N, C-alpha and C. Protein backbone atom coordinates (compact mmCIF):
# COMPACT_ATOMS: atom_id res chain seq x y z
N MET A 1 -17.81 -8.30 49.19
CA MET A 1 -17.10 -9.38 48.34
C MET A 1 -15.87 -9.10 49.07
N ASN A 2 -15.19 -10.39 49.37
CA ASN A 2 -13.87 -10.21 49.99
C ASN A 2 -12.86 -10.17 48.78
N ARG A 3 -11.59 -10.35 49.22
CA ARG A 3 -10.96 -9.92 48.03
C ARG A 3 -10.27 -11.19 47.67
N GLU A 4 -10.42 -12.30 47.85
CA GLU A 4 -9.77 -13.54 47.30
C GLU A 4 -11.27 -13.39 46.19
N ALA A 5 -12.30 -13.19 46.73
CA ALA A 5 -13.50 -13.59 45.43
C ALA A 5 -13.13 -12.33 44.08
N VAL A 6 -13.01 -10.75 44.71
CA VAL A 6 -12.80 -10.13 43.45
C VAL A 6 -11.40 -10.54 43.04
N GLU A 7 -10.26 -10.97 43.10
CA GLU A 7 -9.46 -11.44 42.66
C GLU A 7 -9.54 -12.56 41.91
N ASN A 8 -10.60 -13.27 41.98
CA ASN A 8 -10.51 -14.42 41.14
C ASN A 8 -11.91 -13.87 40.06
N LEU A 9 -12.50 -12.90 40.22
CA LEU A 9 -13.07 -12.07 39.27
C LEU A 9 -12.45 -11.77 38.07
N PHE A 10 -11.33 -10.58 38.63
CA PHE A 10 -10.52 -10.12 37.97
C PHE A 10 -9.61 -11.27 37.26
N MET A 11 -8.98 -12.25 37.70
CA MET A 11 -8.17 -13.40 37.19
C MET A 11 -9.15 -14.12 35.83
N GLN A 12 -10.43 -14.11 36.36
CA GLN A 12 -11.16 -14.85 35.14
C GLN A 12 -11.28 -13.77 34.06
N LEU A 13 -11.60 -12.63 34.03
CA LEU A 13 -11.39 -11.36 33.30
C LEU A 13 -10.44 -11.62 32.09
N ILE A 14 -9.29 -11.84 32.65
CA ILE A 14 -8.18 -11.76 32.35
C ILE A 14 -7.81 -12.34 31.51
N ARG A 15 -8.44 -14.40 31.80
CA ARG A 15 -8.18 -15.05 31.54
C ARG A 15 -8.89 -15.28 30.24
N ILE A 16 -10.32 -15.08 30.03
CA ILE A 16 -11.24 -14.40 28.84
C ILE A 16 -10.38 -13.26 27.89
N SER A 17 -10.04 -12.35 28.70
CA SER A 17 -8.91 -11.92 27.49
C SER A 17 -8.32 -12.11 26.80
N ASN A 18 -7.46 -13.05 27.24
CA ASN A 18 -6.08 -13.79 26.61
C ASN A 18 -6.42 -14.66 25.76
N GLU A 19 -7.59 -15.56 25.90
CA GLU A 19 -8.53 -16.61 24.98
C GLU A 19 -8.59 -15.54 23.86
N ILE A 20 -9.46 -14.55 23.92
CA ILE A 20 -10.23 -13.64 23.09
C ILE A 20 -8.77 -12.82 22.01
N LEU A 21 -7.90 -13.15 22.38
CA LEU A 21 -6.52 -12.33 22.06
C LEU A 21 -5.78 -13.59 21.17
N ALA A 22 -5.90 -15.28 21.54
CA ALA A 22 -5.74 -16.51 20.90
C ALA A 22 -6.65 -16.42 19.85
N LEU A 23 -7.34 -16.12 19.54
CA LEU A 23 -8.82 -16.24 18.41
C LEU A 23 -8.19 -16.23 17.07
N ASP A 24 -7.91 -17.12 16.18
CA ASP A 24 -7.44 -16.55 14.80
C ASP A 24 -8.39 -15.51 14.24
N LEU A 25 -9.78 -15.80 14.34
CA LEU A 25 -10.95 -15.04 13.56
C LEU A 25 -11.15 -15.34 12.24
N ASP A 26 -10.56 -16.47 11.81
CA ASP A 26 -10.76 -16.64 10.38
C ASP A 26 -11.81 -17.86 9.91
N THR A 27 -12.89 -17.88 10.69
CA THR A 27 -14.03 -19.03 10.95
C THR A 27 -15.05 -18.64 11.23
N PHE A 28 -15.53 -19.31 10.82
CA PHE A 28 -17.35 -18.67 12.05
C PHE A 28 -17.48 -19.25 13.22
N GLU A 29 -16.53 -20.66 13.67
CA GLU A 29 -16.71 -21.05 14.62
C GLU A 29 -15.64 -20.38 15.79
N ASP A 30 -14.80 -19.42 14.95
CA ASP A 30 -13.77 -18.48 15.81
C ASP A 30 -14.61 -17.52 16.59
N LEU A 31 -14.92 -17.01 15.26
CA LEU A 31 -16.22 -15.77 15.42
C LEU A 31 -17.48 -16.19 16.33
N ALA A 32 -18.00 -17.23 16.59
CA ALA A 32 -19.13 -17.51 17.22
C ALA A 32 -18.14 -17.80 18.83
N GLN A 33 -17.04 -18.26 18.85
CA GLN A 33 -16.35 -18.41 20.40
C GLN A 33 -16.07 -17.07 20.65
N LEU A 34 -15.97 -16.18 19.78
CA LEU A 34 -15.61 -14.49 19.83
C LEU A 34 -16.83 -14.20 21.25
N GLU A 35 -17.90 -14.38 20.34
CA GLU A 35 -19.37 -13.67 20.82
C GLU A 35 -19.67 -14.62 21.99
N TYR A 36 -19.28 -15.46 22.49
CA TYR A 36 -19.41 -16.42 23.68
C TYR A 36 -18.60 -15.98 24.76
N LEU A 37 -17.16 -15.38 24.27
CA LEU A 37 -16.14 -15.28 25.09
C LEU A 37 -16.61 -13.56 25.85
N GLN A 38 -17.18 -12.94 24.61
CA GLN A 38 -17.32 -11.29 24.75
C GLN A 38 -18.68 -11.45 25.83
N ASN A 39 -19.83 -12.07 25.40
CA ASN A 39 -20.86 -12.37 26.44
C ASN A 39 -20.62 -12.68 27.81
N GLN A 40 -19.30 -13.92 28.01
CA GLN A 40 -19.08 -14.13 29.30
C GLN A 40 -18.22 -12.72 30.26
N GLN A 41 -17.38 -12.29 29.23
CA GLN A 41 -16.69 -10.80 29.72
C GLN A 41 -17.77 -9.42 30.24
N ALA A 42 -18.70 -9.40 29.47
CA ALA A 42 -19.79 -8.79 29.59
C ALA A 42 -20.46 -8.72 30.78
N GLY A 43 -20.83 -10.76 31.21
CA GLY A 43 -21.10 -10.67 32.92
C GLY A 43 -20.41 -10.19 33.98
N LEU A 44 -18.94 -10.75 33.51
CA LEU A 44 -17.96 -10.51 34.81
C LEU A 44 -17.94 -8.86 34.60
N MET A 45 -17.92 -8.37 33.58
CA MET A 45 -17.29 -6.94 33.76
C MET A 45 -18.79 -5.98 34.76
N ASP A 46 -20.11 -6.57 34.42
CA ASP A 46 -21.11 -6.03 35.27
C ASP A 46 -20.70 -6.81 37.12
N GLN A 47 -20.48 -7.63 37.39
CA GLN A 47 -20.06 -7.67 38.80
C GLN A 47 -19.14 -6.72 38.83
N ILE A 48 -17.95 -6.63 38.16
CA ILE A 48 -16.44 -6.15 38.72
C ILE A 48 -16.72 -4.35 38.66
N GLU A 49 -18.12 -3.91 37.87
CA GLU A 49 -18.51 -2.51 38.30
C GLU A 49 -19.06 -2.28 40.19
N GLN A 50 -19.58 -3.52 40.17
CA GLN A 50 -20.34 -3.67 41.85
C GLN A 50 -18.97 -3.11 43.08
N ILE A 51 -17.92 -3.48 42.64
CA ILE A 51 -17.06 -3.43 43.47
C ILE A 51 -16.04 -2.23 43.74
N ASP A 52 -15.68 -2.16 44.82
CA ASP A 52 -14.96 -0.83 45.58
C ASP A 52 -13.85 -1.12 44.79
N HIS A 53 -13.16 -0.24 43.94
CA HIS A 53 -11.90 -0.01 42.94
C HIS A 53 -11.12 1.02 43.55
N SER A 54 -11.27 0.92 44.89
CA SER A 54 -10.45 2.13 45.70
C SER A 54 -9.29 1.10 46.88
N THR A 55 -9.78 -0.32 46.62
CA THR A 55 -8.82 -1.37 47.00
C THR A 55 -7.48 -1.26 46.59
N THR A 56 -6.63 -1.40 47.02
CA THR A 56 -4.91 -1.66 46.77
C THR A 56 -4.47 -2.25 46.28
N GLY A 57 -5.36 -3.53 46.21
CA GLY A 57 -4.93 -4.34 45.48
C GLY A 57 -5.41 -5.08 44.05
N VAL A 58 -6.68 -4.34 43.29
CA VAL A 58 -7.24 -4.29 42.40
C VAL A 58 -6.72 -3.58 41.68
N GLN A 59 -5.69 -2.70 41.45
CA GLN A 59 -5.15 -1.76 40.62
C GLN A 59 -4.30 -2.16 39.61
N PRO A 60 -3.43 -3.33 40.19
CA PRO A 60 -2.56 -4.26 39.02
C PRO A 60 -3.92 -4.77 37.75
N TYR A 61 -4.76 -5.11 38.37
CA TYR A 61 -5.55 -6.08 37.50
C TYR A 61 -6.38 -4.92 36.95
N ILE A 62 -7.04 -3.86 37.01
CA ILE A 62 -7.19 -3.00 36.09
C ILE A 62 -6.49 -2.70 35.06
N GLU A 63 -5.16 -2.57 35.32
CA GLU A 63 -3.95 -2.01 34.45
C GLU A 63 -3.64 -3.22 33.08
N GLU A 64 -4.03 -4.04 33.92
CA GLU A 64 -3.08 -5.67 32.81
C GLU A 64 -4.80 -5.57 31.99
N LEU A 65 -6.00 -5.30 32.28
CA LEU A 65 -7.25 -5.42 31.96
C LEU A 65 -7.33 -4.23 30.56
N LYS A 66 -6.39 -3.13 31.07
CA LYS A 66 -6.91 -2.11 29.99
C LYS A 66 -5.77 -2.56 29.02
N ARG A 67 -4.48 -3.03 29.41
CA ARG A 67 -3.48 -3.16 28.58
C ARG A 67 -4.08 -4.42 27.14
N LEU A 68 -4.49 -5.29 27.81
CA LEU A 68 -5.55 -6.22 27.15
C LEU A 68 -6.32 -5.57 26.45
N GLU A 69 -7.48 -5.44 26.72
CA GLU A 69 -8.71 -4.81 25.75
C GLU A 69 -7.75 -3.82 24.84
N SER A 70 -6.96 -3.15 25.05
CA SER A 70 -6.42 -2.53 24.08
C SER A 70 -5.65 -3.25 22.85
N GLN A 71 -5.16 -4.43 23.37
CA GLN A 71 -4.82 -5.41 22.02
C GLN A 71 -5.80 -6.43 21.28
N ILE A 72 -6.74 -6.28 22.21
CA ILE A 72 -8.13 -7.28 21.55
C ILE A 72 -8.85 -5.83 21.11
N GLN A 73 -8.73 -4.78 20.87
CA GLN A 73 -9.42 -3.60 20.24
C GLN A 73 -8.37 -3.46 18.82
N GLU A 74 -7.37 -3.50 19.27
CA GLU A 74 -6.45 -3.47 17.83
C GLU A 74 -6.19 -4.93 17.08
N LYS A 75 -6.29 -5.68 17.98
CA LYS A 75 -6.79 -7.36 16.86
C LYS A 75 -7.80 -6.96 16.03
N LEU A 76 -8.99 -6.32 16.81
CA LEU A 76 -10.44 -6.90 15.83
C LEU A 76 -10.78 -5.70 14.80
N HIS A 77 -9.76 -4.58 14.95
CA HIS A 77 -9.68 -3.19 14.11
C HIS A 77 -9.42 -3.83 12.95
N LEU A 78 -7.98 -4.73 13.00
CA LEU A 78 -6.99 -4.88 11.77
C LEU A 78 -7.82 -6.53 11.17
N ASN A 79 -8.38 -6.89 12.15
CA ASN A 79 -9.16 -8.03 11.45
C ASN A 79 -10.44 -7.41 10.49
N GLN A 80 -11.24 -6.31 10.96
CA GLN A 80 -12.16 -6.02 9.88
C GLN A 80 -11.69 -5.32 8.88
N GLN A 81 -10.56 -4.42 9.41
CA GLN A 81 -9.79 -4.02 7.77
C GLN A 81 -9.41 -5.03 6.96
N ASP A 82 -8.95 -6.23 7.56
CA ASP A 82 -8.37 -7.61 6.52
C ASP A 82 -9.91 -7.83 5.73
N SER A 83 -11.01 -8.03 6.53
CA SER A 83 -12.21 -8.68 6.50
C SER A 83 -12.44 -7.85 4.89
N GLU A 84 -12.47 -6.34 4.91
CA GLU A 84 -13.23 -5.43 4.19
C GLU A 84 -12.36 -5.36 2.66
N ASN A 85 -11.11 -5.54 3.31
CA ASN A 85 -9.94 -6.04 2.00
C ASN A 85 -10.33 -7.49 1.57
N GLN A 86 -10.61 -8.00 1.74
CA GLN A 86 -11.05 -9.44 0.98
C GLN A 86 -12.39 -8.79 0.09
N ILE A 87 -13.02 -8.67 0.79
CA ILE A 87 -14.25 -8.68 0.28
C ILE A 87 -14.85 -7.26 -1.28
N LYS A 88 -13.60 -6.23 -0.91
CA LYS A 88 -13.23 -5.69 -2.04
C LYS A 88 -12.52 -5.94 -2.95
N LYS A 89 -11.62 -7.31 -2.98
CA LYS A 89 -10.86 -8.24 -3.81
C LYS A 89 -12.00 -8.98 -4.62
N MET A 90 -13.13 -9.46 -3.75
CA MET A 90 -13.71 -10.46 -4.39
C MET A 90 -14.52 -9.68 -5.09
N GLN A 91 -14.85 -8.31 -4.80
CA GLN A 91 -16.20 -7.53 -5.75
C GLN A 91 -15.30 -6.89 -6.91
N ASN A 92 -13.67 -6.95 -6.86
CA ASN A 92 -13.35 -6.63 -8.22
C ASN A 92 -13.01 -8.10 -8.81
N ALA A 93 -12.61 -8.73 -8.72
CA ALA A 93 -12.90 -9.98 -9.36
C ALA A 93 -14.36 -10.52 -10.06
N VAL A 94 -15.29 -10.12 -9.29
CA VAL A 94 -16.50 -10.49 -9.80
C VAL A 94 -16.45 -9.72 -11.18
N LYS A 95 -16.24 -8.02 -10.98
CA LYS A 95 -16.34 -6.97 -12.54
C LYS A 95 -15.25 -7.13 -13.34
N LEU A 96 -14.52 -8.05 -12.67
CA LEU A 96 -13.46 -8.02 -14.00
C LEU A 96 -14.47 -9.66 -14.70
N ARG A 97 -14.69 -10.45 -14.31
CA ARG A 97 -14.98 -11.56 -14.93
C ARG A 97 -16.02 -11.19 -15.55
N GLY A 98 -16.99 -10.22 -15.06
CA GLY A 98 -18.58 -9.88 -16.13
C GLY A 98 -17.93 -9.18 -17.57
N ARG A 99 -17.09 -8.45 -16.80
CA ARG A 99 -16.21 -7.58 -18.21
C ARG A 99 -15.41 -8.77 -19.51
N TYR A 100 -14.83 -9.53 -18.69
CA TYR A 100 -14.27 -10.68 -19.45
C TYR A 100 -15.31 -11.31 -20.19
N GLN A 101 -16.34 -11.92 -19.77
CA GLN A 101 -17.62 -12.47 -20.37
C GLN A 101 -18.35 -11.72 -20.86
N SER A 102 -18.78 -10.59 -21.34
CA SER A 102 -19.34 -10.16 -21.62
C SER A 102 -18.59 -9.45 -23.12
N ASN A 103 -17.32 -8.95 -23.21
CA ASN A 103 -16.71 -9.39 -24.37
C ASN A 103 -15.87 -9.70 -25.07
N PRO A 104 -17.10 -10.53 -26.24
CA PRO A 104 -16.18 -11.86 -27.54
C PRO A 104 -14.79 -11.65 -27.38
N MET A 105 -13.99 -10.75 -27.89
CA MET A 105 -12.72 -9.93 -28.27
C MET A 105 -11.84 -10.48 -27.13
N LEU A 106 -12.14 -9.66 -25.42
CA LEU A 106 -11.52 -10.28 -24.70
C LEU A 106 -11.13 -12.09 -24.27
N GLN A 107 -12.76 -12.56 -24.70
CA GLN A 107 -12.32 -14.10 -24.68
C GLN A 107 -11.53 -14.82 -25.44
N ALA A 108 -11.48 -14.37 -26.96
CA ALA A 108 -11.02 -14.60 -28.16
C ALA A 108 -9.29 -14.74 -27.30
N GLU A 109 -9.14 -13.68 -26.80
CA GLU A 109 -7.54 -13.04 -26.89
C GLU A 109 -7.48 -14.18 -25.24
N GLY A 110 -7.85 -14.16 -24.36
CA GLY A 110 -8.26 -14.76 -23.68
C GLY A 110 -7.88 -16.75 -23.86
N TYR A 111 -8.90 -16.82 -24.38
CA TYR A 111 -8.53 -18.38 -24.71
C TYR A 111 -6.72 -18.79 -25.51
N PHE A 112 -6.72 -17.54 -26.22
CA PHE A 112 -5.04 -17.88 -26.87
C PHE A 112 -3.93 -17.85 -25.80
N VAL A 113 -4.11 -17.24 -25.02
CA VAL A 113 -3.33 -16.74 -24.16
C VAL A 113 -3.21 -17.95 -23.19
N ASP A 114 -4.53 -18.46 -22.54
CA ASP A 114 -4.48 -19.41 -21.53
C ASP A 114 -3.66 -20.99 -22.36
N ASN A 115 -4.07 -20.94 -23.88
CA ASN A 115 -3.41 -22.30 -24.61
C ASN A 115 -2.13 -22.14 -25.51
N GLN A 116 -1.47 -21.40 -25.06
CA GLN A 116 -0.19 -21.10 -25.82
C GLN A 116 0.70 -22.27 -25.01
N ASN A 117 0.61 -22.59 -24.09
CA ASN A 117 1.26 -23.81 -23.74
C ASN A 117 1.00 -24.89 -24.02
């Protein structure tokens, strides 16, 4: 593979990595786009693995990709933690609602507190 083709592969991979970093990951569409981009990334990585990495022009691309991959992993980790926290909040809210609805005294107290205004 000639130098220009190798550089093109690396530039495509860097572009895809930047697109992943730009995703908000707060909608199903973003998650579908993430999966699509990760599949593209995997295909490019397969091609890149077949290249001789001893070529001097390749090293800066590899360093940039390592940096981007680190940022992507951090973003995905933070997103996972945020999602887990949101699920815990919802689970706690359901528990509290269940306690409230199962206790007539709390229901009466809530009625009076809600209607004080």
